Amino acid sequence: MSNTSQQYDKVIAVCRDLFSKKAHDYGTAWRILRLPSLTDQIYIKAQRIRSLQENEVRKVDEGEASEFIGIINYCAMALIQMEKGIADQPDMTADESVLLYDEKIALTKALMENKNHDYGEAWREMRVSSLTDLILQKLLRVKQIEDNKGKTLVSEGIDANYQDMINYSVFALILMENK
């Protein structure tokens, strides 16, 4: 599993670098986004990945990898929003947002390590397209929970779904790199 941990860290380093650079370029304007808006951004990226996987012709020269990176970063933003609440104006520095990003990713990686232990790295035998479908399923679940005002009867909450989407995206990027 140490190989998985190293591969995970390598993927996250790329995502974190992009998150940090965008935070310095744009500030933390994303702090004004409500959770459904972030969910919709993630949904757009997942739908694009699915379209790329199904269609032969591409009209925009960006592949699946950049979209999975976007999913990871938007999910991290959503986890931060869940903790901090929505702001009327950007209310933190780029450096503060990166520290919160690191915190949310560390918790998500710990969840991955626990699940990976219990599932025996079954994800390594999966297709990237199946991981895409699982992300889309998680998004539909999140949308339903959001429509239910965050209430669930027996299901895990929105945060767990965002964490799973981060981990599925990392797995997809690892699998794509190993092809």
N, C-alpha and C. Protein backbone atom coordinates (compact mmCIF):
# COMPACT_ATOMS: atom_id res chain seq x y z
N MET A 1 0.83 -1.20 0.00
CA MET A 1 0.00 0.00 0.00
C MET A 1 0.87 1.26 0.00
N SER A 2 2.14 1.14 0.37
CA SER A 2 3.00 2.32 0.37
C SER A 2 3.13 2.89 -1.05
N ASN A 3 3.10 2.01 -2.06
CA ASN A 3 3.12 2.48 -3.44
C ASN A 3 1.88 3.33 -3.74
N THR A 4 0.73 2.91 -3.25
CA THR A 4 -0.50 3.67 -3.43
C THR A 4 -0.36 5.03 -2.75
N SER A 5 0.18 5.05 -1.56
CA SER A 5 0.35 6.31 -0.84
C SER A 5 1.25 7.27 -1.61
N GLN A 6 2.33 6.74 -2.16
CA GLN A 6 3.25 7.59 -2.93
C GLN A 6 2.60 8.07 -4.22
N GLN A 7 1.88 7.18 -4.90
CA GLN A 7 1.20 7.57 -6.12
C GLN A 7 0.12 8.62 -5.83
N TYR A 8 -0.59 8.43 -4.73
CA TYR A 8 -1.61 9.38 -4.31
C TYR A 8 -0.98 10.76 -4.09
N ASP A 9 0.11 10.77 -3.34
CA ASP A 9 0.80 12.04 -3.04
C ASP A 9 1.28 12.73 -4.32
N LYS A 10 1.74 11.96 -5.27
CA LYS A 10 2.23 12.52 -6.54
C LYS A 10 1.08 13.19 -7.30
N VAL A 11 -0.07 12.54 -7.35
CA VAL A 11 -1.24 13.12 -8.01
C VAL A 11 -1.67 14.39 -7.28
N ILE A 12 -1.76 14.31 -5.97
CA ILE A 12 -2.21 15.46 -5.18
C ILE A 12 -1.23 16.63 -5.31
N ALA A 13 0.05 16.36 -5.44
CA ALA A 13 1.03 17.44 -5.60
C ALA A 13 0.72 18.26 -6.85
N VAL A 14 0.34 17.59 -7.94
CA VAL A 14 -0.03 18.28 -9.18
C VAL A 14 -1.30 19.12 -8.95
N CYS A 15 -2.30 18.53 -8.30
CA CYS A 15 -3.56 19.22 -8.04
C CYS A 15 -3.34 20.42 -7.12
N ARG A 16 -2.56 20.22 -6.09
CA ARG A 16 -2.28 21.28 -5.11
C ARG A 16 -1.54 22.44 -5.77
N ASP A 17 -0.59 22.11 -6.63
CA ASP A 17 0.17 23.14 -7.32
C ASP A 17 -0.77 24.02 -8.15
N LEU A 18 -1.68 23.39 -8.88
CA LEU A 18 -2.64 24.14 -9.69
C LEU A 18 -3.57 24.97 -8.79
N PHE A 19 -4.06 24.36 -7.72
CA PHE A 19 -4.94 25.07 -6.78
C PHE A 19 -4.23 26.31 -6.23
N SER A 20 -2.99 26.14 -5.82
CA SER A 20 -2.21 27.23 -5.24
C SER A 20 -1.99 28.35 -6.26
N LYS A 21 -1.61 27.98 -7.47
CA LYS A 21 -1.35 28.99 -8.51
C LYS A 21 -2.63 29.74 -8.86
N LYS A 22 -3.75 29.03 -8.96
CA LYS A 22 -5.01 29.71 -9.26
C LYS A 22 -5.44 30.60 -8.10
N ALA A 23 -5.17 30.16 -6.86
CA ALA A 23 -5.50 30.99 -5.70
C ALA A 23 -4.69 32.29 -5.72
N HIS A 24 -3.47 32.20 -6.16
CA HIS A 24 -2.65 33.42 -6.26
C HIS A 24 -3.09 34.28 -7.45
N ASP A 25 -3.50 33.67 -8.56
CA ASP A 25 -3.97 34.43 -9.72
C ASP A 25 -5.33 35.09 -9.49
N TYR A 26 -6.27 34.31 -8.95
CA TYR A 26 -7.66 34.75 -8.83
C TYR A 26 -8.07 35.13 -7.42
N GLY A 27 -7.22 34.87 -6.45
CA GLY A 27 -7.65 35.03 -5.07
C GLY A 27 -8.58 33.88 -4.70
N THR A 28 -9.40 34.11 -3.71
CA THR A 28 -10.32 33.05 -3.26
C THR A 28 -11.76 33.43 -3.59
N ALA A 29 -11.95 33.88 -4.83
CA ALA A 29 -13.30 34.27 -5.29
C ALA A 29 -14.29 33.11 -5.15
N TRP A 30 -13.80 31.87 -5.19
CA TRP A 30 -14.68 30.70 -5.05
C TRP A 30 -15.38 30.66 -3.69
N ARG A 31 -14.91 31.44 -2.73
CA ARG A 31 -15.53 31.44 -1.40
C ARG A 31 -16.98 31.90 -1.43
N ILE A 32 -17.40 32.57 -2.50
CA ILE A 32 -18.80 33.03 -2.58
C ILE A 32 -19.73 31.94 -3.11
N LEU A 33 -19.16 30.84 -3.61
CA LEU A 33 -19.98 29.79 -4.22
C LEU A 33 -20.72 28.96 -3.17
N ARG A 34 -22.00 28.77 -3.41
CA ARG A 34 -22.79 27.88 -2.57
C ARG A 34 -22.48 26.43 -2.97
N LEU A 35 -22.75 25.50 -2.08
CA LEU A 35 -22.43 24.09 -2.36
C LEU A 35 -23.07 23.58 -3.65
N PRO A 36 -24.35 23.88 -3.92
CA PRO A 36 -24.92 23.39 -5.19
C PRO A 36 -24.17 23.92 -6.42
N SER A 37 -23.62 25.12 -6.33
CA SER A 37 -22.85 25.66 -7.46
C SER A 37 -21.56 24.86 -7.65
N LEU A 38 -20.90 24.52 -6.55
CA LEU A 38 -19.70 23.69 -6.65
C LEU A 38 -20.05 22.30 -7.17
N THR A 39 -21.14 21.74 -6.67
CA THR A 39 -21.59 20.43 -7.14
C THR A 39 -21.83 20.47 -8.64
N ASP A 40 -22.45 21.53 -9.13
CA ASP A 40 -22.71 21.65 -10.56
C ASP A 40 -21.42 21.77 -11.36
N GLN A 41 -20.42 22.48 -10.84
CA GLN A 41 -19.12 22.57 -11.51
C GLN A 41 -18.47 21.19 -11.62
N ILE A 42 -18.55 20.43 -10.56
CA ILE A 42 -17.99 19.08 -10.56
C ILE A 42 -18.75 18.20 -11.55
N TYR A 43 -20.08 18.36 -11.57
CA TYR A 43 -20.92 17.59 -12.49
C TYR A 43 -20.54 17.87 -13.94
N ILE A 44 -20.31 19.14 -14.27
CA ILE A 44 -19.91 19.50 -15.63
C ILE A 44 -18.61 18.79 -16.00
N LYS A 45 -17.66 18.77 -15.09
CA LYS A 45 -16.37 18.13 -15.37
C LYS A 45 -16.54 16.62 -15.55
N ALA A 46 -17.34 15.99 -14.69
CA ALA A 46 -17.57 14.54 -14.80
C ALA A 46 -18.30 14.19 -16.09
N GLN A 47 -19.27 15.01 -16.47
CA GLN A 47 -19.99 14.78 -17.73
C GLN A 47 -19.05 14.92 -18.92
N ARG A 48 -18.14 15.88 -18.86
CA ARG A 48 -17.17 16.05 -19.95
C ARG A 48 -16.27 14.83 -20.05
N ILE A 49 -15.83 14.32 -18.90
CA ILE A 49 -14.99 13.11 -18.93
C ILE A 49 -15.75 11.97 -19.60
N ARG A 50 -16.99 11.80 -19.21
CA ARG A 50 -17.79 10.72 -19.81
C ARG A 50 -17.94 10.92 -21.31
N SER A 51 -18.17 12.15 -21.74
CA SER A 51 -18.27 12.44 -23.17
C SER A 51 -16.97 12.11 -23.89
N LEU A 52 -15.84 12.49 -23.29
CA LEU A 52 -14.54 12.18 -23.89
C LEU A 52 -14.33 10.68 -24.00
N GLN A 53 -14.80 9.94 -23.00
CA GLN A 53 -14.64 8.48 -23.01
C GLN A 53 -15.53 7.83 -24.06
N GLU A 54 -16.65 8.45 -24.38
CA GLU A 54 -17.61 7.84 -25.30
C GLU A 54 -17.47 8.33 -26.74
N ASN A 55 -16.97 9.54 -26.94
CA ASN A 55 -16.93 10.13 -28.27
C ASN A 55 -15.53 10.04 -28.86
N GLU A 56 -15.48 9.81 -30.15
CA GLU A 56 -14.19 9.73 -30.85
C GLU A 56 -13.61 11.11 -31.14
N VAL A 57 -14.48 12.09 -31.39
CA VAL A 57 -14.05 13.42 -31.81
C VAL A 57 -13.98 14.34 -30.60
N ARG A 58 -12.86 15.08 -30.50
CA ARG A 58 -12.69 16.09 -29.46
C ARG A 58 -12.53 17.44 -30.12
N LYS A 59 -13.31 18.41 -29.65
CA LYS A 59 -13.24 19.75 -30.23
C LYS A 59 -12.45 20.71 -29.35
N VAL A 60 -12.16 20.32 -28.12
CA VAL A 60 -11.33 21.11 -27.22
C VAL A 60 -10.13 20.25 -26.85
N ASP A 61 -8.95 20.83 -26.95
CA ASP A 61 -7.72 20.06 -26.76
C ASP A 61 -7.33 19.95 -25.28
N GLU A 62 -8.23 19.40 -24.47
CA GLU A 62 -7.93 19.08 -23.08
C GLU A 62 -8.49 17.69 -22.83
N GLY A 63 -7.72 16.86 -22.19
CA GLY A 63 -8.13 15.50 -21.97
C GLY A 63 -8.80 15.27 -20.63
N GLU A 64 -8.95 14.01 -20.31
CA GLU A 64 -9.60 13.60 -19.08
C GLU A 64 -8.82 14.02 -17.84
N ALA A 65 -7.50 13.97 -17.92
CA ALA A 65 -6.68 14.23 -16.73
C ALA A 65 -6.97 15.60 -16.13
N SER A 66 -7.05 16.62 -16.96
CA SER A 66 -7.29 17.97 -16.43
C SER A 66 -8.66 18.07 -15.77
N GLU A 67 -9.62 17.31 -16.27
CA GLU A 67 -10.97 17.32 -15.68
C GLU A 67 -10.98 16.60 -14.33
N PHE A 68 -10.25 15.47 -14.22
CA PHE A 68 -10.15 14.80 -12.92
C PHE A 68 -9.46 15.70 -11.90
N ILE A 69 -8.44 16.43 -12.33
CA ILE A 69 -7.76 17.38 -11.44
C ILE A 69 -8.77 18.44 -10.98
N GLY A 70 -9.58 18.93 -11.91
CA GLY A 70 -10.62 19.90 -11.56
C GLY A 70 -11.61 19.35 -10.54
N ILE A 71 -12.00 18.10 -10.71
CA ILE A 71 -12.92 17.48 -9.75
C ILE A 71 -12.29 17.46 -8.36
N ILE A 72 -11.04 17.05 -8.28
CA ILE A 72 -10.34 17.00 -7.00
C ILE A 72 -10.34 18.38 -6.34
N ASN A 73 -9.97 19.39 -7.11
CA ASN A 73 -9.86 20.73 -6.53
C ASN A 73 -11.22 21.33 -6.17
N TYR A 74 -12.23 21.12 -6.99
CA TYR A 74 -13.56 21.62 -6.64
C TYR A 74 -14.13 20.89 -5.42
N CYS A 75 -13.86 19.60 -5.30
CA CYS A 75 -14.32 18.86 -4.12
C CYS A 75 -13.63 19.38 -2.86
N ALA A 76 -12.35 19.70 -2.96
CA ALA A 76 -11.64 20.27 -1.81
C ALA A 76 -12.26 21.62 -1.44
N MET A 77 -12.59 22.43 -2.44
CA MET A 77 -13.26 23.71 -2.16
C MET A 77 -14.58 23.48 -1.46
N ALA A 78 -15.34 22.49 -1.92
CA ALA A 78 -16.64 22.19 -1.31
C ALA A 78 -16.47 21.77 0.16
N LEU A 79 -15.47 20.96 0.43
CA LEU A 79 -15.22 20.55 1.82
C LEU A 79 -14.85 21.75 2.69
N ILE A 80 -14.09 22.67 2.13
CA ILE A 80 -13.75 23.89 2.86
C ILE A 80 -15.01 24.72 3.10
N GLN A 81 -15.85 24.85 2.07
CA GLN A 81 -17.09 25.61 2.21
C GLN A 81 -17.99 25.00 3.29
N MET A 82 -18.02 23.67 3.35
CA MET A 82 -18.86 23.01 4.36
C MET A 82 -18.39 23.37 5.77
N GLU A 83 -17.09 23.48 5.94
CA GLU A 83 -16.55 23.81 7.27
C GLU A 83 -16.68 25.31 7.57
N LYS A 84 -16.32 26.15 6.62
CA LYS A 84 -16.22 27.59 6.86
C LYS A 84 -17.51 28.35 6.57
N GLY A 85 -18.42 27.75 5.81
CA GLY A 85 -19.61 28.47 5.39
C GLY A 85 -19.30 29.30 4.15
N ILE A 86 -20.35 29.84 3.57
CA ILE A 86 -20.21 30.63 2.35
C ILE A 86 -19.93 32.08 2.76
N ALA A 87 -19.03 32.72 2.03
CA ALA A 87 -18.68 34.11 2.31
C ALA A 87 -19.37 35.03 1.29
N ASP A 88 -19.64 36.26 1.70
CA ASP A 88 -20.19 37.25 0.77
C ASP A 88 -19.11 37.82 -0.14
N GLN A 89 -17.88 37.81 0.35
CA GLN A 89 -16.71 38.28 -0.37
C GLN A 89 -15.56 37.34 -0.05
N PRO A 90 -14.57 37.24 -0.91
CA PRO A 90 -13.39 36.44 -0.56
C PRO A 90 -12.85 36.91 0.80
N ASP A 91 -12.66 35.97 1.70
CA ASP A 91 -12.33 36.32 3.08
C ASP A 91 -11.08 35.61 3.61
N MET A 92 -10.28 35.07 2.71
CA MET A 92 -9.03 34.44 3.15
C MET A 92 -7.98 34.65 2.08
N THR A 93 -6.75 34.56 2.49
CA THR A 93 -5.65 34.70 1.54
C THR A 93 -5.47 33.41 0.77
N ALA A 94 -4.71 33.50 -0.30
CA ALA A 94 -4.39 32.31 -1.07
C ALA A 94 -3.68 31.29 -0.19
N ASP A 95 -2.73 31.76 0.61
CA ASP A 95 -1.98 30.85 1.49
C ASP A 95 -2.87 30.17 2.51
N GLU A 96 -3.83 30.90 3.07
CA GLU A 96 -4.78 30.29 4.02
C GLU A 96 -5.61 29.22 3.32
N SER A 97 -6.03 29.49 2.09
CA SER A 97 -6.84 28.51 1.37
C SER A 97 -6.04 27.24 1.07
N VAL A 98 -4.75 27.39 0.80
CA VAL A 98 -3.90 26.21 0.54
C VAL A 98 -3.72 25.39 1.81
N LEU A 99 -3.60 26.04 2.95
CA LEU A 99 -3.51 25.31 4.22
C LEU A 99 -4.78 24.50 4.48
N LEU A 100 -5.94 25.11 4.21
CA LEU A 100 -7.21 24.39 4.38
C LEU A 100 -7.32 23.26 3.37
N TYR A 101 -6.86 23.49 2.16
CA TYR A 101 -6.82 22.45 1.12
C TYR A 101 -6.02 21.25 1.64
N ASP A 102 -4.83 21.53 2.16
CA ASP A 102 -3.98 20.45 2.69
C ASP A 102 -4.68 19.67 3.79
N GLU A 103 -5.39 20.38 4.66
CA GLU A 103 -6.12 19.73 5.76
C GLU A 103 -7.20 18.79 5.23
N LYS A 104 -7.98 19.28 4.27
CA LYS A 104 -9.07 18.46 3.71
C LYS A 104 -8.53 17.26 2.93
N ILE A 105 -7.44 17.46 2.21
CA ILE A 105 -6.85 16.36 1.45
C ILE A 105 -6.24 15.32 2.40
N ALA A 106 -5.64 15.75 3.49
CA ALA A 106 -5.07 14.81 4.46
C ALA A 106 -6.17 13.91 5.06
N LEU A 107 -7.30 14.51 5.39
CA LEU A 107 -8.42 13.72 5.91
C LEU A 107 -8.95 12.75 4.86
N THR A 108 -9.00 13.21 3.63
CA THR A 108 -9.50 12.38 2.53
C THR A 108 -8.54 11.24 2.23
N LYS A 109 -7.25 11.51 2.31
CA LYS A 109 -6.26 10.45 2.09
C LYS A 109 -6.36 9.40 3.20
N ALA A 110 -6.55 9.84 4.42
CA ALA A 110 -6.70 8.89 5.54
C ALA A 110 -7.91 7.99 5.32
N LEU A 111 -9.01 8.57 4.83
CA LEU A 111 -10.19 7.77 4.50
C LEU A 111 -9.86 6.76 3.42
N MET A 112 -9.13 7.20 2.38
CA MET A 112 -8.73 6.29 1.31
C MET A 112 -7.91 5.14 1.85
N GLU A 113 -6.95 5.44 2.73
CA GLU A 113 -6.09 4.38 3.26
C GLU A 113 -6.89 3.36 4.05
N ASN A 114 -7.87 3.82 4.82
CA ASN A 114 -8.72 2.89 5.58
C ASN A 114 -9.57 2.03 4.65
N LYS A 115 -10.20 2.66 3.68
CA LYS A 115 -11.03 1.90 2.73
C LYS A 115 -10.18 0.99 1.86
N ASN A 116 -9.02 1.49 1.45
CA ASN A 116 -8.13 0.71 0.59
C ASN A 116 -7.68 -0.56 1.31
N HIS A 117 -7.45 -0.44 2.59
CA HIS A 117 -7.08 -1.61 3.40
C HIS A 117 -8.21 -2.63 3.39
N ASP A 118 -9.43 -2.15 3.64
CA ASP A 118 -10.57 -3.05 3.73
C ASP A 118 -10.97 -3.65 2.38
N TYR A 119 -10.81 -2.90 1.31
CA TYR A 119 -11.21 -3.37 -0.02
C TYR A 119 -10.07 -4.03 -0.79
N GLY A 120 -8.87 -4.03 -0.24
CA GLY A 120 -7.76 -4.71 -0.88
C GLY A 120 -7.36 -4.13 -2.22
N GLU A 121 -7.42 -2.82 -2.35
CA GLU A 121 -7.03 -2.14 -3.59
C GLU A 121 -7.79 -2.63 -4.82
N ALA A 122 -9.06 -2.94 -4.63
CA ALA A 122 -9.88 -3.41 -5.75
C ALA A 122 -9.94 -2.40 -6.89
N TRP A 123 -9.77 -1.12 -6.59
CA TRP A 123 -9.83 -0.08 -7.62
C TRP A 123 -8.79 -0.28 -8.71
N ARG A 124 -7.70 -0.97 -8.39
CA ARG A 124 -6.65 -1.18 -9.39
C ARG A 124 -7.12 -2.07 -10.54
N GLU A 125 -8.18 -2.83 -10.32
CA GLU A 125 -8.74 -3.71 -11.35
C GLU A 125 -9.91 -3.06 -12.09
N MET A 126 -10.23 -1.83 -11.72
CA MET A 126 -11.36 -1.15 -12.33
C MET A 126 -10.94 -0.40 -13.59
N ARG A 127 -11.92 -0.09 -14.39
CA ARG A 127 -11.72 0.75 -15.57
C ARG A 127 -11.90 2.21 -15.16
N VAL A 128 -11.20 3.11 -15.84
CA VAL A 128 -11.36 4.53 -15.58
C VAL A 128 -12.81 4.94 -15.85
N SER A 129 -13.42 4.35 -16.86
CA SER A 129 -14.82 4.68 -17.18
C SER A 129 -15.76 4.30 -16.02
N SER A 130 -15.45 3.23 -15.31
CA SER A 130 -16.27 2.86 -14.15
C SER A 130 -16.11 3.88 -13.02
N LEU A 131 -14.88 4.36 -12.82
CA LEU A 131 -14.65 5.40 -11.81
C LEU A 131 -15.41 6.67 -12.18
N THR A 132 -15.45 6.99 -13.46
CA THR A 132 -16.21 8.14 -13.93
C THR A 132 -17.69 7.96 -13.59
N ASP A 133 -18.22 6.78 -13.87
CA ASP A 133 -19.63 6.51 -13.57
C ASP A 133 -19.91 6.60 -12.07
N LEU A 134 -18.99 6.12 -11.25
CA LEU A 134 -19.16 6.21 -9.80
C LEU A 134 -19.17 7.66 -9.34
N ILE A 135 -18.32 8.49 -9.94
CA ILE A 135 -18.31 9.91 -9.61
C ILE A 135 -19.65 10.54 -9.99
N LEU A 136 -20.15 10.22 -11.17
CA LEU A 136 -21.45 10.76 -11.59
C LEU A 136 -22.56 10.30 -10.65
N GLN A 137 -22.51 9.05 -10.22
CA GLN A 137 -23.51 8.54 -9.27
C GLN A 137 -23.42 9.32 -7.95
N LYS A 138 -22.21 9.54 -7.46
CA LYS A 138 -22.03 10.31 -6.22
C LYS A 138 -22.59 11.72 -6.39
N LEU A 139 -22.39 12.32 -7.56
CA LEU A 139 -22.91 13.66 -7.80
C LEU A 139 -24.43 13.68 -7.78
N LEU A 140 -25.05 12.69 -8.37
CA LEU A 140 -26.51 12.61 -8.33
C LEU A 140 -27.00 12.43 -6.90
N ARG A 141 -26.27 11.67 -6.11
CA ARG A 141 -26.61 11.52 -4.69
C ARG A 141 -26.49 12.85 -3.95
N VAL A 142 -25.39 13.56 -4.20
CA VAL A 142 -25.17 14.85 -3.55
C VAL A 142 -26.28 15.82 -3.93
N LYS A 143 -26.65 15.84 -5.20
CA LYS A 143 -27.73 16.74 -5.64
C LYS A 143 -29.03 16.41 -4.90
N GLN A 144 -29.30 15.13 -4.72
CA GLN A 144 -30.53 14.73 -4.01
C GLN A 144 -30.45 15.15 -2.54
N ILE A 145 -29.30 14.95 -1.91
CA ILE A 145 -29.14 15.37 -0.52
C ILE A 145 -29.28 16.88 -0.41
N GLU A 146 -28.71 17.62 -1.36
CA GLU A 146 -28.86 19.08 -1.36
C GLU A 146 -30.34 19.46 -1.50
N ASP A 147 -31.05 18.77 -2.38
CA ASP A 147 -32.48 19.03 -2.55
C ASP A 147 -33.26 18.72 -1.27
N ASN A 148 -32.74 17.77 -0.48
CA ASN A 148 -33.35 17.40 0.80
C ASN A 148 -32.84 18.28 1.95
N LYS A 149 -32.22 19.42 1.61
CA LYS A 149 -31.69 20.37 2.60
C LYS A 149 -30.63 19.74 3.49
N GLY A 150 -29.88 18.79 2.93
CA GLY A 150 -28.78 18.18 3.67
C GLY A 150 -29.17 17.03 4.58
N LYS A 151 -30.44 16.70 4.62
CA LYS A 151 -30.92 15.65 5.52
C LYS A 151 -30.86 14.29 4.84
N THR A 152 -30.36 13.30 5.58
CA THR A 152 -30.40 11.91 5.12
C THR A 152 -30.99 11.06 6.24
N LEU A 153 -31.60 9.95 5.87
CA LEU A 153 -32.17 9.05 6.87
C LEU A 153 -31.14 8.02 7.32
N VAL A 154 -30.45 7.41 6.36
CA VAL A 154 -29.50 6.36 6.71
C VAL A 154 -28.17 6.49 5.96
N SER A 155 -28.07 7.45 5.07
CA SER A 155 -26.91 7.54 4.19
C SER A 155 -25.86 8.47 4.76
N GLU A 156 -24.61 8.27 4.27
CA GLU A 156 -23.55 9.18 4.66
C GLU A 156 -23.82 10.55 4.07
N GLY A 157 -23.21 11.56 4.64
CA GLY A 157 -23.49 12.93 4.24
C GLY A 157 -22.76 13.37 2.99
N ILE A 158 -22.96 14.64 2.68
CA ILE A 158 -22.37 15.22 1.48
C ILE A 158 -20.85 15.17 1.54
N ASP A 159 -20.28 15.44 2.70
CA ASP A 159 -18.82 15.49 2.81
C ASP A 159 -18.18 14.16 2.43
N ALA A 160 -18.77 13.06 2.85
CA ALA A 160 -18.23 11.74 2.51
C ALA A 160 -18.27 11.50 1.00
N ASN A 161 -19.31 12.01 0.36
CA ASN A 161 -19.42 11.86 -1.10
C ASN A 161 -18.35 12.68 -1.81
N TYR A 162 -18.10 13.90 -1.35
CA TYR A 162 -17.02 14.71 -1.93
C TYR A 162 -15.66 14.00 -1.74
N GLN A 163 -15.46 13.43 -0.57
CA GLN A 163 -14.20 12.71 -0.32
C GLN A 163 -14.06 11.51 -1.24
N ASP A 164 -15.14 10.77 -1.43
CA ASP A 164 -15.09 9.63 -2.35
C ASP A 164 -14.77 10.08 -3.77
N MET A 165 -15.34 11.21 -4.19
CA MET A 165 -15.08 11.71 -5.54
C MET A 165 -13.61 12.11 -5.70
N ILE A 166 -13.03 12.69 -4.66
CA ILE A 166 -11.60 13.00 -4.70
C ILE A 166 -10.82 11.71 -4.88
N ASN A 167 -11.12 10.72 -4.06
CA ASN A 167 -10.36 9.47 -4.11
C ASN A 167 -10.56 8.73 -5.43
N TYR A 168 -11.77 8.70 -5.96
CA TYR A 168 -11.99 8.06 -7.27
C TYR A 168 -11.21 8.79 -8.36
N SER A 169 -11.16 10.11 -8.27
CA SER A 169 -10.42 10.89 -9.27
C SER A 169 -8.92 10.62 -9.18
N VAL A 170 -8.40 10.53 -7.96
CA VAL A 170 -6.99 10.19 -7.79
C VAL A 170 -6.72 8.81 -8.37
N PHE A 171 -7.58 7.86 -8.07
CA PHE A 171 -7.42 6.51 -8.60
C PHE A 171 -7.41 6.52 -10.13
N ALA A 172 -8.33 7.28 -10.72
CA ALA A 172 -8.40 7.36 -12.19
C ALA A 172 -7.10 7.92 -12.76
N LEU A 173 -6.56 8.95 -12.13
CA LEU A 173 -5.32 9.55 -12.61
C LEU A 173 -4.14 8.58 -12.46
N ILE A 174 -4.12 7.80 -11.38
CA ILE A 174 -3.08 6.79 -11.20
C ILE A 174 -3.20 5.73 -12.30
N LEU A 175 -4.42 5.25 -12.54
CA LEU A 175 -4.62 4.23 -13.56
C LEU A 175 -4.24 4.75 -14.95
N MET A 176 -4.59 5.99 -15.23
CA MET A 176 -4.28 6.58 -16.53
C MET A 176 -2.76 6.71 -16.71
N GLU A 177 -2.07 7.04 -15.65
CA GLU A 177 -0.62 7.18 -15.72
C GLU A 177 0.05 5.82 -15.91
N ASN A 178 -0.54 4.78 -15.36
CA ASN A 178 0.05 3.43 -15.44
C ASN A 178 -0.25 2.72 -16.75
N LYS A 179 -1.08 3.30 -17.59
CA LYS A 179 -1.43 2.66 -18.88
C LYS A 179 -0.22 2.55 -19.77
